[in-house]
Amino acid sequence: MSARINARLDDELAEQVEELRKLTGKTLTELVEAALRAYYEQHHAKSTRPAEAFRRAGFIASHPGPRHLARDYKKHLSALLGRKT
């Protein structure tokens, strides 16, 4: 599926688009597609649940470890912190 877009740009923005087109060698269609994808990703990231945003940013991952770690993490953390002081 494809959709046609008709948009009016003020002179300043039209000049910026033309400058981008010359700098990148991309067509107007490619620039509009890239801009809309970036805008969508930015908006979509804000509307997702916090855990999903952390996962996409690489802050949440899984790693094999002892089965009891989830239950006893405070004990293990205290032991590790005690060694650092």
C-alpha atoms as a PDB file:
ATOM      1  CA  MET A   1       0.000   0.000   0.000  1.00  0.00           C
ATOM      2  CA  SER A   2       1.176   3.527  -0.648  1.00  0.00           C
ATOM      3  CA  ALA A   3      -0.335   6.880   0.194  1.00  0.00           C
ATOM      4  CA  ARG A   4       0.143  10.226  -1.454  1.00  0.00           C
ATOM      5  CA  ILE A   5       0.796  13.250   0.771  1.00  0.00           C
ATOM      6  CA  ASN A   6       0.156  16.864  -0.149  1.00  0.00           C
ATOM      7  CA  ALA A   7       1.599  19.335   2.361  1.00  0.00           C
ATOM      8  CA  ARG A   8       2.282  23.045   2.481  1.00  0.00           C
ATOM      9  CA  LEU A   9       5.620  24.150   3.945  1.00  0.00           C
ATOM     10  CA  ASP A  10       6.643  27.673   4.851  1.00  0.00           C
ATOM     11  CA  ASP A  11       9.631  29.081   2.974  1.00  0.00           C
ATOM     12  CA  GLU A  12      12.122  28.396   5.765  1.00  0.00           C
ATOM     13  CA  LEU A  13      11.167  24.738   6.128  1.00  0.00           C
ATOM     14  CA  ALA A  14      11.066  24.260   2.351  1.00  0.00           C
ATOM     15  CA  GLU A  15      14.637  25.610   2.163  1.00  0.00           C
ATOM     16  CA  GLN A  16      15.736  23.251   4.948  1.00  0.00           C
ATOM     17  CA  VAL A  17      14.187  20.289   3.142  1.00  0.00           C
ATOM     18  CA  GLU A  18      15.934  21.265  -0.085  1.00  0.00           C
ATOM     19  CA  GLU A  19      19.245  21.620   1.768  1.00  0.00           C
ATOM     20  CA  LEU A  20      18.782  18.155   3.305  1.00  0.00           C
ATOM     21  CA  ARG A  21      17.941  16.722  -0.096  1.00  0.00           C
ATOM     22  CA  LYS A  22      21.151  18.129  -1.577  1.00  0.00           C
ATOM     23  CA  LEU A  23      23.310  17.109   1.400  1.00  0.00           C
ATOM     24  CA  THR A  24      22.033  13.552   1.605  1.00  0.00           C
ATOM     25  CA  GLY A  25      21.255  12.826  -2.039  1.00  0.00           C
ATOM     26  CA  LYS A  26      17.900  11.442  -0.935  1.00  0.00           C
ATOM     27  CA  THR A  27      14.635  12.081  -2.684  1.00  0.00           C
ATOM     28  CA  LEU A  28      11.887  14.119  -1.078  1.00  0.00           C
ATOM     29  CA  THR A  29       9.925  10.897  -0.580  1.00  0.00           C
ATOM     30  CA  GLU A  30      12.864   9.278   1.249  1.00  0.00           C
ATOM     31  CA  LEU A  31      13.261  12.316   3.511  1.00  0.00           C
ATOM     32  CA  VAL A  32       9.558  12.417   4.366  1.00  0.00           C
ATOM     33  CA  GLU A  33       9.534   8.671   5.071  1.00  0.00           C
ATOM     34  CA  ALA A  34      12.595   8.936   7.342  1.00  0.00           C
ATOM     35  CA  ALA A  35      11.142  11.927   9.196  1.00  0.00           C
ATOM     36  CA  LEU A  36       7.784  10.228   9.732  1.00  0.00           C
ATOM     37  CA  ARG A  37       9.455   7.001  10.923  1.00  0.00           C
ATOM     38  CA  ALA A  38      11.608   8.956  13.400  1.00  0.00           C
ATOM     39  CA  TYR A  39       8.579  10.900  14.652  1.00  0.00           C
ATOM     40  CA  TYR A  40       6.592   7.684  15.036  1.00  0.00           C
ATOM     41  CA  GLU A  41       9.397   5.978  16.975  1.00  0.00           C
ATOM     42  CA  GLN A  42       9.775   8.999  19.251  1.00  0.00           C
ATOM     43  CA  HIS A  43       6.044   9.146  19.930  1.00  0.00           C
ATOM     44  CA  HIS A  44       5.687   5.379  20.258  1.00  0.00           C
ATOM     45  CA  ALA A  45       8.558   5.211  22.776  1.00  0.00           C
ATOM     46  CA  LYS A  46       6.775   7.732  25.002  1.00  0.00           C
ATOM     47  CA  SER A  47       3.518   5.799  24.919  1.00  0.00           C
ATOM     48  CA  THR A  48       4.967   2.410  25.854  1.00  0.00           C
ATOM     49  CA  ARG A  49       5.119   0.991  29.317  1.00  0.00           C
ATOM     50  CA  PRO A  50       8.260   1.886  31.293  1.00  0.00           C
ATOM     51  CA  ALA A  51       9.498  -1.724  31.372  1.00  0.00           C
ATOM     52  CA  GLU A  52       9.299  -1.901  27.585  1.00  0.00           C
ATOM     53  CA  ALA A  53      11.228   1.358  27.217  1.00  0.00           C
ATOM     54  CA  PHE A  54      13.962   0.024  29.531  1.00  0.00           C
ATOM     55  CA  ARG A  55      14.076  -3.269  27.616  1.00  0.00           C
ATOM     56  CA  ARG A  56      14.474  -1.495  24.275  1.00  0.00           C
ATOM     57  CA  ALA A  57      17.214   0.696  25.737  1.00  0.00           C
ATOM     58  CA  GLY A  58      19.128  -2.390  26.870  1.00  0.00           C
ATOM     59  CA  PHE A  59      18.673  -1.880  30.606  1.00  0.00           C
ATOM     60  CA  ILE A  60      16.671  -5.067  31.108  1.00  0.00           C
ATOM     61  CA  ALA A  61      18.113  -8.384  30.047  1.00  0.00           C
ATOM     62  CA  SER A  62      18.195 -11.893  31.314  1.00  0.00           C
ATOM     63  CA  HIS A  63      21.217 -13.771  32.506  1.00  0.00           C
ATOM     64  CA  PRO A  64      21.441 -17.271  33.880  1.00  0.00           C
ATOM     65  CA  GLY A  65      22.036 -17.410  37.593  1.00  0.00           C
ATOM     66  CA  PRO A  66      21.141 -19.356  40.686  1.00  0.00           C
ATOM     67  CA  ARG A  67      17.432 -20.226  40.916  1.00  0.00           C
ATOM     68  CA  HIS A  68      17.205 -18.795  44.418  1.00  0.00           C
ATOM     69  CA  LEU A  69      18.680 -15.417  43.420  1.00  0.00           C
ATOM     70  CA  ALA A  70      15.274 -13.781  42.960  1.00  0.00           C
ATOM     71  CA  ARG A  71      14.295 -14.888  46.443  1.00  0.00           C
ATOM     72  CA  ASP A  72      17.627 -14.158  48.159  1.00  0.00           C
ATOM     73  CA  TYR A  73      18.855 -11.145  46.204  1.00  0.00           C
ATOM     74  CA  LYS A  74      18.962  -8.859  49.282  1.00  0.00           C
ATOM     75  CA  LYS A  75      21.270 -11.251  51.109  1.00  0.00           C
ATOM     76  CA  HIS A  76      23.574 -11.515  48.074  1.00  0.00           C
ATOM     77  CA  LEU A  77      23.539  -7.762  47.496  1.00  0.00           C
ATOM     78  CA  SER A  78      24.356  -7.060  51.155  1.00  0.00           C
ATOM     79  CA  ALA A  79      27.271  -9.490  50.992  1.00  0.00           C
ATOM     80  CA  LEU A  80      28.624  -7.834  47.836  1.00  0.00           C
ATOM     81  CA  LEU A  81      28.251  -4.338  49.258  1.00  0.00           C
ATOM     82  CA  GLY A  82      29.874  -5.422  52.518  1.00  0.00           C
ATOM     83  CA  ARG A  83      32.966  -6.472  50.578  1.00  0.00           C
ATOM     84  CA  LYS A  84      33.243  -3.066  48.948  1.00  0.00           C
ATOM     85  CA  THR A  85      33.332  -1.044  52.171  1.00  0.00           C
END
